[in-house]
Amino acid sequence: MISITAIIKSKIETTETVKEMVHNLVANTRKEAACIRYDLHYTDTVFIIWEEWKDQAGLDIHNEQSYLKDFITASENLLAAPIQVYKTTQVL
C-alpha cells in the first residue's frame, strides 16, 4: 500500500473556487479501482488530502487522469503556494 499526503493552500479570495475544484477531484478519484482512501480535510485556506493506493501502478494511473491534470493546471493561479505532495510510510 502507498500513502500520500497532499497539501493545497488557496489564496483567501479563491478559497471557495478551490474548494469546489478539490471536491470534484475527490469525487472522481474515489471511483478509481486502485484508490483505497482519498480523504479531504481542510481549515480556512488549507486543504489536505490523505490518500492510500493499492500499488504504484494504480497511483501511476491516477497521476495520468485528465481530471487531476486539469485540477493542477486550473488551480495554479488560485493557490498561495505550490501543491506539496509527500509519499509517506506508516510508522505506528
N, C-alpha and C. Protein backbone atom coordinates (compact mmCIF):
# COMPACT_ATOMS: atom_id res chain seq x y z
N MET A 1 0.85 -1.18 0.00
CA MET A 1 0.00 0.00 0.00
C MET A 1 0.89 1.24 0.00
N ILE A 2 0.43 2.27 -0.69
CA ILE A 2 1.16 3.53 -0.80
C ILE A 2 0.33 4.63 -0.17
N SER A 3 0.95 5.42 0.68
CA SER A 3 0.27 6.55 1.32
C SER A 3 0.83 7.86 0.78
N ILE A 4 -0.07 8.77 0.52
CA ILE A 4 0.29 10.11 0.01
C ILE A 4 -0.45 11.14 0.85
N THR A 5 0.23 12.23 1.16
CA THR A 5 -0.42 13.39 1.76
C THR A 5 -0.17 14.57 0.83
N ALA A 6 -1.24 15.22 0.40
CA ALA A 6 -1.13 16.40 -0.47
C ALA A 6 -1.68 17.60 0.28
N ILE A 7 -0.94 18.70 0.25
CA ILE A 7 -1.34 19.93 0.93
C ILE A 7 -1.52 21.01 -0.12
N ILE A 8 -2.73 21.59 -0.12
CA ILE A 8 -3.10 22.61 -1.10
C ILE A 8 -3.49 23.86 -0.33
N LYS A 9 -2.82 24.96 -0.62
CA LYS A 9 -3.09 26.22 0.09
C LYS A 9 -3.64 27.25 -0.90
N SER A 10 -4.91 27.58 -0.74
CA SER A 10 -5.52 28.55 -1.65
C SER A 10 -5.25 29.98 -1.18
N LYS A 11 -5.39 30.90 -2.10
CA LYS A 11 -5.41 32.31 -1.73
C LYS A 11 -6.74 32.55 -1.02
N ILE A 12 -6.78 33.51 -0.12
CA ILE A 12 -8.00 33.79 0.63
C ILE A 12 -9.17 34.05 -0.30
N GLU A 13 -8.93 34.84 -1.34
CA GLU A 13 -10.01 35.25 -2.24
C GLU A 13 -10.46 34.15 -3.20
N THR A 14 -9.73 33.04 -3.26
CA THR A 14 -10.09 31.96 -4.18
C THR A 14 -10.49 30.67 -3.46
N THR A 15 -10.65 30.75 -2.16
CA THR A 15 -10.90 29.55 -1.36
C THR A 15 -12.14 28.79 -1.81
N GLU A 16 -13.24 29.45 -2.07
CA GLU A 16 -14.47 28.76 -2.46
C GLU A 16 -14.32 28.08 -3.81
N THR A 17 -13.64 28.71 -4.72
CA THR A 17 -13.39 28.11 -6.04
C THR A 17 -12.52 26.87 -5.90
N VAL A 18 -11.45 26.99 -5.13
CA VAL A 18 -10.56 25.86 -4.92
C VAL A 18 -11.31 24.73 -4.21
N LYS A 19 -12.15 25.07 -3.25
CA LYS A 19 -12.92 24.04 -2.54
C LYS A 19 -13.78 23.24 -3.51
N GLU A 20 -14.47 23.92 -4.42
CA GLU A 20 -15.29 23.23 -5.41
C GLU A 20 -14.43 22.34 -6.31
N MET A 21 -13.28 22.83 -6.70
CA MET A 21 -12.39 22.06 -7.56
C MET A 21 -11.86 20.83 -6.84
N VAL A 22 -11.50 20.99 -5.57
CA VAL A 22 -10.99 19.86 -4.79
C VAL A 22 -12.09 18.82 -4.59
N HIS A 23 -13.31 19.27 -4.32
CA HIS A 23 -14.43 18.33 -4.15
C HIS A 23 -14.63 17.50 -5.42
N ASN A 24 -14.51 18.12 -6.57
CA ASN A 24 -14.63 17.42 -7.84
C ASN A 24 -13.49 16.40 -8.00
N LEU A 25 -12.29 16.81 -7.65
CA LEU A 25 -11.14 15.92 -7.72
C LEU A 25 -11.35 14.69 -6.82
N VAL A 26 -11.81 14.92 -5.61
CA VAL A 26 -12.05 13.82 -4.67
C VAL A 26 -13.12 12.87 -5.21
N ALA A 27 -14.22 13.42 -5.69
CA ALA A 27 -15.31 12.58 -6.20
C ALA A 27 -14.85 11.69 -7.35
N ASN A 28 -14.07 12.24 -8.26
CA ASN A 28 -13.58 11.45 -9.40
C ASN A 28 -12.54 10.42 -8.97
N THR A 29 -11.64 10.83 -8.10
CA THR A 29 -10.56 9.94 -7.68
C THR A 29 -11.09 8.73 -6.92
N ARG A 30 -12.10 8.93 -6.10
CA ARG A 30 -12.64 7.82 -5.31
C ARG A 30 -13.23 6.71 -6.18
N LYS A 31 -13.48 6.99 -7.44
CA LYS A 31 -14.01 5.98 -8.38
C LYS A 31 -12.91 5.09 -8.95
N GLU A 32 -11.66 5.45 -8.76
CA GLU A 32 -10.55 4.69 -9.33
C GLU A 32 -10.39 3.35 -8.61
N ALA A 33 -10.13 2.31 -9.37
CA ALA A 33 -10.03 0.95 -8.82
C ALA A 33 -8.92 0.81 -7.78
N ALA A 34 -7.82 1.49 -7.95
CA ALA A 34 -6.68 1.35 -7.03
C ALA A 34 -6.77 2.25 -5.81
N CYS A 35 -7.77 3.11 -5.75
CA CYS A 35 -7.92 4.06 -4.64
C CYS A 35 -8.54 3.35 -3.44
N ILE A 36 -7.81 3.28 -2.36
CA ILE A 36 -8.31 2.72 -1.11
C ILE A 36 -8.95 3.82 -0.27
N ARG A 37 -8.29 4.96 -0.22
CA ARG A 37 -8.77 6.08 0.60
C ARG A 37 -8.33 7.38 -0.07
N TYR A 38 -9.22 8.34 -0.07
CA TYR A 38 -8.92 9.67 -0.61
C TYR A 38 -9.74 10.65 0.21
N ASP A 39 -9.22 10.97 1.38
CA ASP A 39 -9.96 11.77 2.36
C ASP A 39 -9.53 13.23 2.30
N LEU A 40 -10.51 14.10 2.35
CA LEU A 40 -10.25 15.54 2.32
C LEU A 40 -10.48 16.14 3.69
N HIS A 41 -9.51 16.92 4.14
CA HIS A 41 -9.60 17.70 5.37
C HIS A 41 -9.26 19.14 5.01
N TYR A 42 -9.90 20.08 5.69
CA TYR A 42 -9.49 21.46 5.43
C TYR A 42 -9.82 22.38 6.59
N THR A 43 -9.11 23.48 6.59
CA THR A 43 -9.32 24.56 7.54
C THR A 43 -8.95 25.86 6.84
N ASP A 44 -9.81 26.82 6.94
CA ASP A 44 -9.58 28.13 6.31
C ASP A 44 -9.18 27.98 4.85
N THR A 45 -7.90 28.17 4.56
CA THR A 45 -7.43 28.13 3.17
C THR A 45 -6.53 26.94 2.87
N VAL A 46 -6.47 25.98 3.77
CA VAL A 46 -5.60 24.82 3.59
C VAL A 46 -6.44 23.56 3.43
N PHE A 47 -6.18 22.84 2.35
CA PHE A 47 -6.86 21.59 2.05
C PHE A 47 -5.82 20.48 2.12
N ILE A 48 -6.13 19.42 2.85
CA ILE A 48 -5.20 18.31 2.98
C ILE A 48 -5.91 17.05 2.48
N ILE A 49 -5.27 16.36 1.56
CA ILE A 49 -5.82 15.11 1.04
C ILE A 49 -4.92 13.99 1.52
N TRP A 50 -5.54 13.04 2.21
CA TRP A 50 -4.83 11.86 2.68
C TRP A 50 -5.23 10.71 1.78
N GLU A 51 -4.26 10.14 1.10
CA GLU A 51 -4.52 9.13 0.08
C GLU A 51 -3.87 7.80 0.45
N GLU A 52 -4.55 6.72 0.09
CA GLU A 52 -3.96 5.40 0.16
C GLU A 52 -4.28 4.68 -1.15
N TRP A 53 -3.25 4.06 -1.72
CA TRP A 53 -3.35 3.39 -3.02
C TRP A 53 -2.92 1.95 -2.89
N LYS A 54 -3.56 1.07 -3.66
CA LYS A 54 -3.24 -0.36 -3.62
C LYS A 54 -1.79 -0.63 -4.00
N ASP A 55 -1.31 0.09 -5.03
CA ASP A 55 0.05 -0.15 -5.51
C ASP A 55 0.53 1.02 -6.36
N GLN A 56 1.80 0.97 -6.73
CA GLN A 56 2.38 2.05 -7.53
C GLN A 56 1.73 2.15 -8.90
N ALA A 57 1.37 1.01 -9.48
CA ALA A 57 0.73 1.04 -10.80
C ALA A 57 -0.58 1.83 -10.74
N GLY A 58 -1.37 1.62 -9.69
CA GLY A 58 -2.62 2.36 -9.53
C GLY A 58 -2.39 3.85 -9.33
N LEU A 59 -1.36 4.20 -8.57
CA LEU A 59 -1.01 5.60 -8.36
C LEU A 59 -0.55 6.23 -9.67
N ASP A 60 0.21 5.48 -10.45
CA ASP A 60 0.68 5.98 -11.75
C ASP A 60 -0.52 6.28 -12.66
N ILE A 61 -1.52 5.39 -12.66
CA ILE A 61 -2.72 5.62 -13.46
C ILE A 61 -3.43 6.89 -12.98
N HIS A 62 -3.54 7.04 -11.66
CA HIS A 62 -4.16 8.26 -11.10
C HIS A 62 -3.45 9.52 -11.58
N ASN A 63 -2.14 9.48 -11.54
CA ASN A 63 -1.36 10.66 -11.92
C ASN A 63 -1.51 11.04 -13.38
N GLU A 64 -2.06 10.17 -14.20
CA GLU A 64 -2.28 10.45 -15.62
C GLU A 64 -3.73 10.82 -15.93
N GLN A 65 -4.60 10.84 -14.94
CA GLN A 65 -6.01 11.14 -15.17
C GLN A 65 -6.18 12.61 -15.58
N SER A 66 -7.05 12.85 -16.54
CA SER A 66 -7.26 14.21 -17.03
C SER A 66 -7.80 15.12 -15.94
N TYR A 67 -8.67 14.62 -15.07
CA TYR A 67 -9.22 15.49 -14.02
C TYR A 67 -8.17 15.92 -13.01
N LEU A 68 -7.15 15.10 -12.78
CA LEU A 68 -6.05 15.52 -11.90
C LEU A 68 -5.18 16.55 -12.61
N LYS A 69 -4.83 16.27 -13.85
CA LYS A 69 -4.01 17.22 -14.61
C LYS A 69 -4.74 18.55 -14.79
N ASP A 70 -6.04 18.49 -15.08
CA ASP A 70 -6.84 19.71 -15.22
C ASP A 70 -6.88 20.49 -13.92
N PHE A 71 -7.02 19.79 -12.78
CA PHE A 71 -7.02 20.46 -11.48
C PHE A 71 -5.70 21.19 -11.25
N ILE A 72 -4.61 20.52 -11.51
CA ILE A 72 -3.29 21.12 -11.30
C ILE A 72 -3.13 22.37 -12.15
N THR A 73 -3.50 22.29 -13.41
CA THR A 73 -3.37 23.43 -14.32
C THR A 73 -4.30 24.57 -13.93
N ALA A 74 -5.57 24.24 -13.68
CA ALA A 74 -6.57 25.28 -13.39
C ALA A 74 -6.35 25.95 -12.04
N SER A 75 -5.76 25.24 -11.09
CA SER A 75 -5.60 25.81 -9.75
C SER A 75 -4.32 26.62 -9.59
N GLU A 76 -3.44 26.53 -10.54
CA GLU A 76 -2.12 27.15 -10.42
C GLU A 76 -2.16 28.61 -9.97
N ASN A 77 -3.01 29.41 -10.57
CA ASN A 77 -3.08 30.84 -10.23
C ASN A 77 -4.01 31.13 -9.05
N LEU A 78 -4.65 30.10 -8.53
CA LEU A 78 -5.58 30.26 -7.41
C LEU A 78 -4.94 29.92 -6.07
N LEU A 79 -3.72 29.40 -6.12
CA LEU A 79 -3.07 28.93 -4.91
C LEU A 79 -2.04 29.91 -4.38
N ALA A 80 -1.87 29.88 -3.06
CA ALA A 80 -0.91 30.75 -2.39
C ALA A 80 0.50 30.17 -2.43
N ALA A 81 0.60 28.88 -2.71
CA ALA A 81 1.89 28.19 -2.76
C ALA A 81 1.73 26.96 -3.65
N PRO A 82 2.84 26.45 -4.14
CA PRO A 82 2.75 25.21 -4.94
C PRO A 82 2.17 24.07 -4.10
N ILE A 83 1.48 23.15 -4.74
CA ILE A 83 0.94 21.98 -4.06
C ILE A 83 2.11 21.15 -3.54
N GLN A 84 2.00 20.73 -2.28
CA GLN A 84 3.02 19.88 -1.68
C GLN A 84 2.50 18.46 -1.64
N VAL A 85 3.30 17.52 -2.11
CA VAL A 85 2.91 16.11 -2.13
C VAL A 85 4.00 15.30 -1.45
N TYR A 86 3.57 14.51 -0.47
CA TYR A 86 4.51 13.70 0.30
C TYR A 86 4.11 12.23 0.20
N LYS A 87 5.02 11.40 -0.25
CA LYS A 87 4.82 9.95 -0.23
C LYS A 87 5.38 9.48 1.10
N THR A 88 4.53 8.88 1.92
CA THR A 88 4.93 8.56 3.29
C THR A 88 4.81 7.08 3.60
N THR A 89 5.46 6.70 4.68
CA THR A 89 5.39 5.34 5.19
C THR A 89 4.84 5.39 6.61
N GLN A 90 3.85 4.54 6.88
CA GLN A 90 3.26 4.50 8.21
C GLN A 90 4.29 3.94 9.19
N VAL A 91 4.46 4.62 10.32
CA VAL A 91 5.43 4.22 11.33
C VAL A 91 4.75 3.44 12.46
N LEU A 92 3.63 3.92 12.92
CA LEU A 92 2.88 3.26 14.00
C LEU A 92 1.48 2.97 13.57
